[in-house]
N, C-alpha and C. Protein backbone atom coordinates (compact mmCIF):
# COMPACT_ATOMS: atom_id res chain seq x y z
N UNK A 1 97.11 102.42 77.34
CA UNK A 1 97.20 100.98 77.50
C UNK A 1 97.93 100.40 76.30
N UNK A 2 98.81 99.49 76.58
CA UNK A 2 99.58 98.84 75.52
C UNK A 2 99.02 97.46 75.22
N UNK A 3 99.25 97.02 74.00
CA UNK A 3 98.91 95.64 73.66
C UNK A 3 99.79 94.74 74.52
N UNK A 4 99.26 93.58 74.97
CA UNK A 4 100.03 92.72 75.87
C UNK A 4 101.42 92.37 75.36
N UNK A 5 101.56 92.06 74.08
CA UNK A 5 102.88 91.66 73.57
C UNK A 5 103.88 92.83 73.59
N UNK A 6 103.41 94.04 73.36
CA UNK A 6 104.30 95.21 73.43
C UNK A 6 104.66 95.49 74.88
N UNK A 7 103.68 95.38 75.76
CA UNK A 7 103.91 95.60 77.18
C UNK A 7 104.98 94.65 77.71
N UNK A 8 104.85 93.37 77.39
CA UNK A 8 105.81 92.37 77.87
C UNK A 8 107.20 92.64 77.32
N UNK A 9 107.28 93.04 76.04
CA UNK A 9 108.58 93.32 75.43
C UNK A 9 109.26 94.51 76.11
N UNK A 10 108.49 95.55 76.44
CA UNK A 10 109.05 96.76 77.04
C UNK A 10 109.42 96.60 78.50
N UNK A 11 108.62 95.82 79.24
CA UNK A 11 108.80 95.76 80.69
C UNK A 11 109.35 94.45 81.22
N UNK A 12 109.15 93.35 80.49
CA UNK A 12 109.54 92.05 81.00
C UNK A 12 108.49 91.43 81.90
N UNK A 13 107.38 92.12 82.11
CA UNK A 13 106.29 91.62 82.95
C UNK A 13 105.18 91.06 82.07
N UNK A 14 104.44 90.10 82.63
CA UNK A 14 103.29 89.58 81.92
C UNK A 14 102.13 90.55 82.08
N UNK A 15 101.28 90.59 81.08
CA UNK A 15 100.10 91.44 81.13
C UNK A 15 99.23 90.99 82.31
N UNK A 16 98.87 91.94 83.17
CA UNK A 16 98.07 91.62 84.35
C UNK A 16 98.91 91.31 85.57
N UNK A 17 100.24 91.29 85.42
CA UNK A 17 101.11 90.96 86.54
C UNK A 17 102.09 92.06 86.86
N UNK A 18 101.78 93.27 86.43
CA UNK A 18 102.69 94.39 86.67
C UNK A 18 102.20 95.22 87.84
N UNK A 19 103.01 95.32 88.85
CA UNK A 19 102.69 96.08 90.04
C UNK A 19 103.41 97.42 90.00
N UNK A 20 102.84 98.47 90.59
CA UNK A 20 103.57 99.74 90.66
C UNK A 20 104.75 99.67 91.64
N UNK A 21 104.81 98.62 92.43
CA UNK A 21 105.89 98.46 93.41
C UNK A 21 106.96 97.53 92.87
N UNK A 22 108.22 97.91 93.01
CA UNK A 22 109.33 97.04 92.64
C UNK A 22 109.55 96.86 91.15
N UNK A 23 109.24 97.87 90.36
CA UNK A 23 109.47 97.78 88.92
C UNK A 23 110.96 97.65 88.61
N UNK A 24 111.29 96.79 87.68
CA UNK A 24 112.69 96.64 87.26
C UNK A 24 113.12 97.82 86.40
N UNK A 25 112.18 98.34 85.64
CA UNK A 25 112.43 99.49 84.78
C UNK A 25 111.62 100.66 85.32
N UNK A 26 112.25 101.81 85.53
CA UNK A 26 111.52 102.97 86.05
C UNK A 26 110.53 103.45 85.01
N UNK A 27 109.27 103.41 85.39
CA UNK A 27 108.18 103.85 84.52
C UNK A 27 107.30 104.83 85.29
N UNK A 28 106.71 105.79 84.59
CA UNK A 28 105.77 106.67 85.29
C UNK A 28 104.53 105.88 85.69
N UNK A 29 103.99 106.20 86.85
CA UNK A 29 102.79 105.54 87.36
C UNK A 29 101.66 106.57 87.35
N UNK A 30 100.59 106.26 86.63
CA UNK A 30 99.43 107.14 86.57
C UNK A 30 98.23 106.42 87.17
N UNK A 31 97.46 107.16 87.94
CA UNK A 31 96.28 106.63 88.61
C UNK A 31 95.11 107.54 88.26
N UNK A 32 93.95 106.94 87.97
CA UNK A 32 92.79 107.76 87.68
C UNK A 32 92.49 108.66 88.88
N UNK A 33 92.21 109.91 88.60
CA UNK A 33 91.98 110.87 89.69
C UNK A 33 90.82 110.47 90.60
N UNK A 34 89.90 109.66 90.11
CA UNK A 34 88.78 109.20 90.94
C UNK A 34 89.25 108.37 92.12
N UNK A 35 90.47 107.82 92.06
CA UNK A 35 90.99 107.02 93.17
C UNK A 35 91.11 107.85 94.44
N UNK A 36 91.24 109.15 94.29
CA UNK A 36 91.37 110.03 95.45
C UNK A 36 90.07 110.10 96.26
N UNK A 37 88.97 109.65 95.67
CA UNK A 37 87.68 109.67 96.35
C UNK A 37 87.48 108.48 97.29
N UNK A 38 88.40 107.55 97.28
CA UNK A 38 88.28 106.32 98.06
C UNK A 38 89.32 106.30 99.17
N UNK A 39 88.95 105.69 100.28
CA UNK A 39 89.90 105.55 101.38
C UNK A 39 91.02 104.59 101.00
N UNK A 40 90.66 103.48 100.34
CA UNK A 40 91.66 102.54 99.85
C UNK A 40 91.28 102.11 98.43
N UNK A 41 92.29 101.65 97.69
CA UNK A 41 92.10 101.12 96.35
C UNK A 41 92.92 99.84 96.23
N UNK A 42 92.68 99.09 95.18
CA UNK A 42 93.43 97.86 94.95
C UNK A 42 94.30 98.01 93.72
N UNK A 43 95.56 97.60 93.81
CA UNK A 43 96.49 97.62 92.69
C UNK A 43 97.11 96.24 92.54
N UNK A 44 97.68 96.01 91.40
CA UNK A 44 98.32 94.72 91.15
C UNK A 44 99.44 94.48 92.15
N UNK A 45 99.52 93.24 92.60
CA UNK A 45 100.57 92.85 93.53
C UNK A 45 101.74 92.15 92.85
N UNK A 46 101.74 92.12 91.52
CA UNK A 46 102.87 91.54 90.79
C UNK A 46 102.64 90.17 90.22
N UNK A 47 101.50 89.57 90.51
CA UNK A 47 101.12 88.28 89.93
C UNK A 47 99.70 88.41 89.43
N UNK A 48 99.39 87.71 88.38
CA UNK A 48 98.04 87.73 87.85
C UNK A 48 97.07 87.28 88.94
N UNK A 49 96.07 88.10 89.21
CA UNK A 49 95.06 87.76 90.21
C UNK A 49 95.43 88.14 91.64
N UNK A 50 96.62 88.71 91.88
CA UNK A 50 97.04 89.09 93.22
C UNK A 50 96.92 90.60 93.35
N UNK A 51 96.07 91.07 94.26
CA UNK A 51 95.84 92.49 94.46
C UNK A 51 96.30 92.92 95.85
N UNK A 52 96.73 94.18 95.94
CA UNK A 52 97.16 94.76 97.20
C UNK A 52 96.27 95.97 97.49
N UNK A 53 95.75 96.05 98.69
CA UNK A 53 94.92 97.18 99.09
C UNK A 53 95.83 98.27 99.67
N UNK A 54 95.74 99.48 99.13
CA UNK A 54 96.57 100.60 99.60
C UNK A 54 95.73 101.87 99.65
N UNK A 55 96.19 102.82 100.41
CA UNK A 55 95.60 104.15 100.38
C UNK A 55 96.17 104.87 99.16
N UNK A 56 95.37 105.66 98.46
CA UNK A 56 95.88 106.34 97.27
C UNK A 56 97.15 107.16 97.52
N UNK A 57 97.23 107.78 98.69
CA UNK A 57 98.41 108.60 98.97
C UNK A 57 99.69 107.76 99.10
N UNK A 58 99.55 106.47 99.37
CA UNK A 58 100.71 105.59 99.41
C UNK A 58 101.36 105.53 98.03
N UNK A 59 100.54 105.44 97.00
CA UNK A 59 101.10 105.41 95.65
C UNK A 59 101.84 106.71 95.33
N UNK A 60 101.28 107.82 95.77
CA UNK A 60 101.95 109.11 95.58
C UNK A 60 103.31 109.12 96.28
N UNK A 61 103.32 108.70 97.52
CA UNK A 61 104.53 108.80 98.34
C UNK A 61 105.60 107.77 97.98
N UNK A 62 105.21 106.54 97.69
CA UNK A 62 106.20 105.48 97.47
C UNK A 62 106.67 105.35 96.03
N UNK A 63 105.77 105.59 95.07
CA UNK A 63 106.16 105.38 93.68
C UNK A 63 105.96 106.62 92.82
N UNK A 64 105.76 107.77 93.47
CA UNK A 64 105.57 109.05 92.76
C UNK A 64 104.43 108.99 91.74
N UNK A 65 103.35 108.31 92.10
CA UNK A 65 102.20 108.21 91.20
C UNK A 65 101.61 109.59 90.98
N UNK A 66 101.12 109.79 89.76
CA UNK A 66 100.48 111.04 89.39
C UNK A 66 99.04 110.75 89.03
N UNK A 67 98.15 111.65 89.40
CA UNK A 67 96.73 111.50 89.08
C UNK A 67 96.45 112.12 87.72
N UNK A 68 95.56 111.46 86.99
CA UNK A 68 95.15 111.94 85.66
C UNK A 68 93.70 111.55 85.44
N UNK A 69 93.05 112.23 84.52
CA UNK A 69 91.66 111.89 84.20
C UNK A 69 91.63 110.87 83.08
N UNK A 70 91.16 109.67 83.40
CA UNK A 70 91.05 108.59 82.40
C UNK A 70 89.62 108.35 82.00
N UNK A 71 88.68 108.72 82.88
CA UNK A 71 87.27 108.47 82.60
C UNK A 71 86.51 109.78 82.65
N UNK A 72 85.36 109.77 82.04
CA UNK A 72 84.52 110.97 82.06
C UNK A 72 83.19 110.65 82.66
């Protein structure tokens, strides 16, 4: 996780308004592996407070998301 001011400088997006879909700059997308346990999950829709419900495999297929362990 980046500090909001660094995040905005690197991506041009506001903190909390970055969606994995339609990024202006190609960035790797990582999703906690626990997301695979759910039928659907919610991700940012590109505006603060706007969420999109998707199946985890959609992130894999559309944005090449990779699963990683973030929590224990």
